[in-house]
Amino acid sequence: METTYWIVDSCVEKEQVYPQIKEASDLLKQNEVVAFPTETVYGLGANAWSDEAVQKVFQAKGRPSDNPLIVHIASRNQLESLVVDISEVAKKCMDVFWPGPLTIVMKRKEGLSNAVTAGLSTVGIRMPDHPIALALIKEANLPIAAPSANVSGKPSPTTAAHVKEDLDGKIAGIVDGGATGVGVESTVIDCTTEGQVIILRPGGITKEQLENVTGVDVLFDDALFIEHKQPKAPGMKYTHYAPNAPLYLVEGSPAFMQARIDEKRKEGLKVGVLTTAERKEVYQADTLCTCGYRNDLASVNHHLYDVLRKFNHAHVDIIFSETFPKQGVGVALMNRLEKAAGKKYIREYEEKH
């Protein structure tokens, strides 16, 4: 399959009249698959009503069939055809966080492809905060099912070049709208029970922000920590975001990290280190990638997937990553790093005792 590549300037007004948007939306109407930018990562879009279209997404990504997809909409009016029994807390979240990096799981209506929901009675919906994404959905006049536009399990794409690297020749088109903003996927919350909000996947919207808006105690779903349960949202069950080389999360001092690096280099391994700008002069390794600033974890989220892909191009044998506080957006950051590492930790405290 030949993949069509369009470049669209997201800063230009009246983006809905772009011929590139029209061409891409026509392909979506024909049940083809098209990648496009959102404010989080690039999505791999398909007509959410069509089994044929959605199956192409799973085929292109190599995605497990029990991993549900998020449906993207461009207006609240589209909700009427997709879900029922919208809770008051869900409405509050929509009022404040839509458009934006928040996916809300609600009870689904009939008609959506069962492949979208993995056979569940619920569906995750979000309204992306990106002019190209909104223009494409409006022009297609369809709800668009869209996971991240990468090979399943690998780092999510934050540029069109990442998408092309993974999916060129496997999908109908790629809309290049430049680099994405947030850098990690949306927060996913379950709002199927009135008066309750449960985080199924941490992301750009934090637990504290949700509590401030809803006035309820926001919980984390225990399925985030139980691998055998069927996931209600993407990113809950399978290893994700992994670079080619094994990744280890190192808890301890910079000296402890450097000792681990030195050990592996003496064994003849090519070592990569994921750190932040504040510590770029601290470590000696074969490949050192800085990922934002430690005092600004949103910047680390923004650069994370790009850095994980850089290690692939550097052909390192092993990667050591610093760890970060699980507070605010750090919860999402550590969720992604733990998934990428398969929860493999090396802890200074454990080695001393």
Protein backbone atom coordinates (compact mmCIF):
# COMPACT_ATOMS: atom_id res chain seq x y z
CA MET A 1 0.00 0.00 0.00
CA GLU A 2 1.23 3.48 -0.85
CA THR A 3 0.86 5.93 2.02
CA THR A 4 -0.17 9.48 1.06
CA TYR A 5 1.64 12.20 3.01
CA TRP A 6 0.11 15.64 3.56
CA ILE A 7 1.73 18.62 5.30
CA VAL A 8 -0.73 20.98 7.03
CA ASP A 9 0.19 24.15 8.92
CA SER A 10 -1.87 24.01 12.10
CA CYS A 11 -1.30 27.73 12.72
CA VAL A 12 -3.24 28.78 9.63
CA GLU A 13 -6.88 29.79 10.18
CA LYS A 14 -9.82 28.13 8.43
CA GLU A 15 -7.99 24.80 8.35
CA GLN A 16 -11.23 23.05 7.41
CA VAL A 17 -10.91 24.33 3.84
CA TYR A 18 -7.49 22.77 3.26
CA PRO A 19 -7.57 20.37 0.31
CA GLN A 20 -5.33 18.04 2.35
CA ILE A 21 -7.99 17.80 5.08
CA LYS A 22 -10.64 17.06 2.44
CA GLU A 23 -8.52 14.32 0.86
CA ALA A 24 -7.76 12.72 4.22
CA SER A 25 -11.42 12.86 5.32
CA ASP A 26 -12.51 11.26 2.04
CA LEU A 27 -10.24 8.32 2.81
CA LEU A 28 -11.79 7.99 6.27
CA LYS A 29 -15.25 7.95 4.67
CA GLN A 30 -14.01 5.11 2.43
CA ASN A 31 -13.09 3.12 5.57
CA GLU A 32 -9.36 3.66 5.11
CA VAL A 33 -6.98 4.47 7.97
CA VAL A 34 -5.32 7.88 8.33
CA ALA A 35 -2.84 9.14 10.95
CA PHE A 36 -3.26 12.69 12.25
CA PRO A 37 -1.90 14.92 15.03
CA THR A 38 -3.62 15.62 18.32
CA GLU A 39 -2.37 17.68 21.25
CA THR A 40 -1.14 14.48 22.96
CA VAL A 41 0.35 12.11 20.34
CA TYR A 42 -0.43 11.20 16.72
CA GLY A 43 -3.57 9.10 16.36
CA LEU A 44 -4.36 6.36 13.84
CA GLY A 45 -7.90 7.19 12.77
CA ALA A 46 -10.71 5.05 11.38
CA ASN A 47 -14.49 5.25 11.00
CA ALA A 48 -15.77 4.09 14.40
CA TRP A 49 -19.01 2.76 12.87
CA SER A 50 -17.18 0.37 10.52
CA ASP A 51 -15.82 -3.06 11.47
CA GLU A 52 -13.83 -3.06 8.23
CA ALA A 53 -12.11 0.25 9.01
CA VAL A 54 -11.37 -0.55 12.65
CA GLN A 55 -9.90 -3.93 11.79
CA LYS A 56 -7.40 -2.12 9.55
CA VAL A 57 -6.21 -0.19 12.61
CA PHE A 58 -5.60 -3.39 14.57
CA GLN A 59 -3.87 -4.96 11.58
CA ALA A 60 -1.57 -2.00 10.93
CA LYS A 61 -0.55 -1.70 14.59
CA GLY A 62 -0.44 -5.40 15.44
CA ARG A 63 -2.69 -4.51 18.36
CA PRO A 64 -4.36 -7.15 20.60
CA SER A 65 -8.09 -7.37 19.91
CA ASP A 66 -9.07 -7.08 23.60
CA ASN A 67 -7.48 -3.62 23.85
CA PRO A 68 -10.29 -1.05 23.30
CA LEU A 69 -9.91 2.12 21.23
CA ILE A 70 -10.78 5.71 22.09
CA VAL A 71 -13.36 7.47 19.91
CA HIS A 72 -12.60 11.08 18.97
CA ILE A 73 -15.34 13.64 18.35
CA ALA A 74 -15.38 17.30 17.30
CA SER A 75 -18.54 18.47 19.11
CA ARG A 76 -20.73 17.55 22.08
CA ASN A 77 -23.59 16.96 19.63
CA GLN A 78 -21.85 13.80 18.41
CA LEU A 79 -22.21 12.24 21.86
CA GLU A 80 -25.94 11.64 21.38
CA SER A 81 -25.32 8.88 18.85
CA LEU A 82 -22.56 7.21 20.87
CA VAL A 83 -23.43 7.03 24.59
CA VAL A 84 -26.28 6.94 27.11
CA ASP A 85 -26.71 7.93 30.77
CA ILE A 86 -24.09 10.67 30.91
CA SER A 87 -23.34 11.28 34.60
CA GLU A 88 -23.20 14.74 36.15
CA VAL A 89 -19.51 14.34 36.99
CA ALA A 90 -18.84 13.45 33.36
CA LYS A 91 -20.62 16.61 32.24
CA LYS A 92 -18.54 18.71 34.65
CA CYS A 93 -15.36 17.21 33.23
CA MET A 94 -16.49 17.87 29.66
CA ASP A 95 -17.32 21.49 30.49
CA VAL A 96 -13.83 22.15 31.84
CA PHE A 97 -11.47 19.77 30.04
CA TRP A 98 -12.96 19.42 26.53
CA PRO A 99 -11.45 19.96 24.10
CA GLY A 100 -8.36 18.54 25.78
CA PRO A 101 -6.39 15.48 26.88
CA LEU A 102 -9.19 13.77 28.80
CA THR A 103 -11.00 10.58 27.70
CA ILE A 104 -14.26 9.76 29.48
CA VAL A 105 -15.52 6.17 29.57
CA MET A 106 -19.32 6.01 29.40
CA LYS A 107 -22.04 3.50 28.57
CA ARG A 108 -22.16 2.94 24.83
CA LYS A 109 -25.06 2.83 22.40
CA GLU A 110 -25.46 0.15 19.78
CA GLY A 111 -24.01 0.77 16.33
CA LEU A 112 -20.36 1.30 17.12
CA SER A 113 -18.02 -1.37 15.83
CA ASN A 114 -17.57 -4.03 18.53
CA ALA A 115 -13.88 -3.97 17.70
CA VAL A 116 -13.73 -0.38 19.02
CA THR A 117 -15.01 -1.37 22.46
CA ALA A 118 -13.43 -4.87 22.57
CA GLY A 119 -16.94 -6.18 23.22
CA LEU A 120 -17.42 -4.05 26.35
CA SER A 121 -20.63 -2.20 27.18
CA THR A 122 -18.65 1.03 27.54
CA VAL A 123 -16.67 3.29 25.25
CA GLY A 124 -14.02 5.97 25.83
CA ILE A 125 -14.72 9.33 24.19
CA ARG A 126 -12.58 12.44 23.90
CA MET A 127 -12.55 15.74 22.05
CA PRO A 128 -8.97 16.55 21.01
CA ASP A 129 -7.61 20.07 21.43
CA HIS A 130 -5.89 20.32 18.05
CA PRO A 131 -7.15 22.31 15.04
CA ILE A 132 -6.16 19.66 12.49
CA ALA A 133 -7.76 16.82 14.42
CA LEU A 134 -10.99 18.78 14.91
CA ALA A 135 -11.08 19.88 11.26
CA LEU A 136 -10.56 16.31 10.05
CA ILE A 137 -13.32 14.89 12.26
CA LYS A 138 -15.73 17.68 11.24
CA GLU A 139 -14.99 17.22 7.55
CA ALA A 140 -15.43 13.45 7.73
CA ASN A 141 -18.59 13.90 9.83
CA LEU A 142 -17.79 10.66 11.62
CA PRO A 143 -16.69 9.62 15.10
CA ILE A 144 -13.07 8.56 14.65
CA ALA A 145 -11.62 5.62 16.56
CA ALA A 146 -7.94 6.38 17.04
CA PRO A 147 -5.23 4.73 19.12
CA SER A 148 -1.67 6.05 18.93
CA ALA A 149 -0.21 5.77 15.43
CA ASN A 150 2.65 3.40 16.15
CA VAL A 151 3.41 -0.31 16.09
CA SER A 152 1.77 -1.78 19.17
CA GLY A 153 4.05 -1.85 22.20
CA LYS A 154 6.56 0.67 20.84
CA PRO A 155 6.96 4.34 21.86
CA SER A 156 4.03 6.47 20.80
CA PRO A 157 4.60 8.97 17.96
CA THR A 158 4.91 12.67 18.66
CA THR A 159 5.90 13.62 15.10
CA ALA A 160 4.75 12.52 11.65
CA ALA A 161 8.27 11.15 11.08
CA HIS A 162 7.68 8.70 13.95
CA VAL A 163 4.45 7.56 12.28
CA LYS A 164 6.17 7.13 8.94
CA GLU A 165 8.96 5.13 10.57
CA ASP A 166 6.44 2.62 11.96
CA LEU A 167 3.55 2.57 9.50
CA ASP A 168 4.68 3.74 6.05
CA GLY A 169 3.15 1.38 3.50
CA LYS A 170 0.68 -0.03 6.05
CA ILE A 171 -1.89 2.81 6.14
CA ALA A 172 -3.61 5.03 3.58
CA GLY A 173 -2.34 8.42 4.75
CA ILE A 174 -0.43 10.57 7.25
CA VAL A 175 -1.39 14.17 8.01
CA ASP A 176 1.76 15.99 9.16
CA GLY A 177 0.81 18.85 11.47
CA GLY A 178 4.14 19.18 13.24
CA ALA A 179 5.16 18.00 16.70
CA THR A 180 2.48 17.35 19.32
CA GLY A 181 2.23 19.27 22.57
CA VAL A 182 1.49 17.23 25.71
CA GLY A 183 3.61 14.28 24.55
CA VAL A 184 1.81 11.52 26.47
CA GLU A 185 -1.65 10.14 25.85
CA SER A 186 -4.84 11.47 27.43
CA THR A 187 -5.97 10.73 30.95
CA VAL A 188 -8.75 8.12 30.82
CA ILE A 189 -11.48 8.21 33.48
CA ASP A 190 -14.44 5.93 34.14
CA CYS A 191 -17.62 7.95 34.76
CA THR A 192 -20.16 5.15 34.37
CA THR A 193 -21.22 5.37 38.03
CA GLU A 194 -22.87 8.57 39.23
CA GLY A 195 -20.79 10.49 41.74
CA GLN A 196 -17.64 8.49 41.03
CA VAL A 197 -14.51 9.11 38.97
CA ILE A 198 -11.90 6.38 38.49
CA ILE A 199 -8.65 6.94 36.61
CA LEU A 200 -8.03 4.07 34.21
CA ARG A 201 -4.93 5.64 32.66
CA PRO A 202 -3.05 8.67 34.01
CA GLY A 203 -2.20 11.41 31.52
CA GLY A 204 -2.05 15.15 31.00
CA ILE A 205 -5.02 15.86 33.31
CA THR A 206 -4.08 15.05 36.90
CA LYS A 207 -5.98 13.49 39.78
CA GLU A 208 -5.83 16.82 41.64
CA GLN A 209 -7.32 18.73 38.69
CA LEU A 210 -10.17 16.22 38.41
CA GLU A 211 -10.94 16.44 42.12
CA ASN A 212 -11.01 20.23 42.01
CA VAL A 213 -13.55 20.17 39.17
CA THR A 214 -15.79 17.30 40.25
CA GLY A 215 -15.71 17.71 44.02
CA VAL A 216 -15.36 13.94 44.51
CA ASP A 217 -12.45 11.75 45.57
CA VAL A 218 -10.83 10.45 42.41
CA LEU A 219 -9.51 6.89 42.60
CA PHE A 220 -7.06 4.85 40.55
CA ASP A 221 -8.49 1.62 39.14
CA ASP A 222 -6.82 -1.47 40.61
CA ALA A 223 -6.72 -3.00 37.12
CA LEU A 224 -3.82 -0.64 36.44
CA PHE A 225 -1.84 -3.00 38.65
CA ILE A 226 -3.47 -6.34 37.73
CA GLU A 227 -2.21 -7.54 34.37
CA HIS A 228 -4.70 -10.37 33.78
CA LYS A 229 -7.89 -8.29 33.91
CA GLN A 230 -9.53 -7.25 30.66
CA PRO A 231 -8.64 -3.57 30.14
CA LYS A 232 -11.45 -1.01 30.07
CA ALA A 233 -9.13 1.51 28.44
CA PRO A 234 -5.93 1.54 26.38
CA GLY A 235 -2.59 1.34 28.18
CA MET A 236 -3.84 -0.73 31.14
CA LYS A 237 -2.76 -4.29 30.37
CA TYR A 238 0.06 -4.69 27.91
CA THR A 239 3.68 -3.59 27.84
CA HIS A 240 3.75 -0.31 25.97
CA TYR A 241 6.14 2.37 24.84
CA ALA A 242 9.15 0.04 24.91
CA PRO A 243 12.38 0.86 23.06
CA ASN A 244 14.26 -1.97 21.35
CA ALA A 245 16.86 -2.33 24.13
CA PRO A 246 15.86 -3.44 27.64
CA LEU A 247 15.08 -0.47 29.87
CA TYR A 248 15.72 -0.39 33.63
CA LEU A 249 14.44 2.22 36.08
CA VAL A 250 17.17 3.18 38.54
CA GLU A 251 16.22 4.49 41.98
CA GLY A 252 19.20 5.95 43.76
CA SER A 253 21.94 8.52 43.67
CA PRO A 254 23.74 9.62 40.49
CA ALA A 255 26.81 7.78 41.79
CA PHE A 256 24.78 4.56 42.06
CA MET A 257 23.52 5.05 38.49
CA GLN A 258 27.04 5.67 37.19
CA ALA A 259 28.30 2.50 38.88
CA ARG A 260 25.64 0.47 37.04
CA ILE A 261 26.64 2.15 33.76
CA ASP A 262 30.31 1.36 34.34
CA GLU A 263 29.56 -2.28 35.12
CA LYS A 264 27.73 -2.81 31.83
CA ARG A 265 30.31 -0.94 29.77
CA LYS A 266 33.04 -3.15 31.23
CA GLU A 267 30.99 -6.12 30.00
CA GLY A 268 31.24 -4.65 26.51
CA LEU A 269 27.66 -3.38 26.32
CA LYS A 270 26.68 -0.07 24.74
CA VAL A 271 24.77 1.81 27.46
CA GLY A 272 22.12 4.51 27.07
CA VAL A 273 21.01 6.85 29.86
CA LEU A 274 17.74 8.75 30.12
CA THR A 275 18.15 11.79 32.33
CA THR A 276 17.18 15.47 32.48
CA ALA A 277 18.92 18.67 31.44
CA GLU A 278 20.00 19.38 35.03
CA ARG A 279 22.11 16.21 35.10
CA LYS A 280 23.41 16.01 31.54
CA GLU A 281 27.00 16.56 32.71
CA VAL A 282 26.76 14.03 35.56
CA TYR A 283 26.78 10.73 33.66
CA GLN A 284 29.33 9.12 31.36
CA ALA A 285 27.65 6.71 28.94
CA ASP A 286 27.68 5.70 25.27
CA THR A 287 24.42 7.55 24.55
CA LEU A 288 22.95 10.12 26.91
CA CYS A 289 19.55 11.61 26.14
CA THR A 290 18.08 14.49 28.10
CA CYS A 291 14.33 14.53 28.48
CA GLY A 292 13.18 17.95 29.65
CA TYR A 293 13.79 19.37 33.13
CA ARG A 294 13.41 17.60 36.44
CA ASN A 295 11.74 20.66 37.97
CA ASP A 296 9.20 20.66 35.09
CA LEU A 297 7.87 17.12 34.67
CA ALA A 298 5.48 18.25 31.93
CA SER A 299 8.57 18.92 29.81
CA VAL A 300 9.80 15.37 30.51
CA ASN A 301 6.44 13.99 29.37
CA HIS A 302 6.68 16.14 26.23
CA HIS A 303 10.05 14.67 25.19
CA LEU A 304 9.73 11.13 26.56
CA TYR A 305 8.65 9.18 23.46
CA ASP A 306 11.02 11.03 21.17
CA VAL A 307 13.92 10.16 23.48
CA LEU A 308 12.91 6.49 23.70
CA ARG A 309 12.98 6.35 19.90
CA LYS A 310 16.40 8.04 19.80
CA PHE A 311 17.84 5.10 21.74
CA ASN A 312 16.65 2.80 18.94
CA HIS A 313 18.63 4.80 16.38
CA ALA A 314 21.67 4.80 18.68
CA HIS A 315 21.57 0.97 18.77
CA VAL A 316 22.31 0.74 22.50
CA ASP A 317 22.28 -2.65 24.25
CA ILE A 318 20.76 -1.50 27.54
CA ILE A 319 19.11 1.68 28.86
CA PHE A 320 19.11 3.05 32.39
CA SER A 321 16.52 5.70 33.26
CA GLU A 322 16.21 7.98 36.23
CA THR A 323 12.90 7.87 38.12
CA PHE A 324 10.59 10.74 39.03
CA PRO A 325 8.12 11.65 41.81
CA LYS A 326 4.66 10.14 41.34
CA GLN A 327 2.90 13.44 41.87
CA GLY A 328 0.82 15.52 39.45
CA VAL A 329 1.88 14.80 35.87
CA GLY A 330 4.66 12.65 37.31
CA VAL A 331 2.06 9.90 37.79
CA ALA A 332 1.56 9.70 34.02
CA LEU A 333 5.30 9.93 33.42
CA MET A 334 6.14 7.02 35.72
CA ASN A 335 3.20 5.01 34.36
CA ARG A 336 4.73 5.25 30.87
CA LEU A 337 8.26 4.53 32.06
CA GLU A 338 7.12 1.50 34.07
CA LYS A 339 5.27 0.17 31.03
CA ALA A 340 8.31 0.77 28.83
CA ALA A 341 10.57 -1.01 31.33
CA GLY A 342 8.19 -3.83 32.11
CA LYS A 343 8.44 -2.55 35.72
CA LYS A 344 12.12 -3.56 35.93
CA TYR A 345 13.70 -1.56 38.78
CA ILE A 346 17.23 -1.38 40.15
CA ARG A 347 17.10 0.13 43.64
CA GLU A 348 20.08 1.37 45.60
CA TYR A 349 18.35 0.67 48.91
CA GLU A 350 17.79 -3.00 48.01
CA GLU A 351 21.43 -3.50 47.05
CA LYS A 352 22.64 -2.03 50.33
CA HIS A 353 20.42 -4.23 52.50
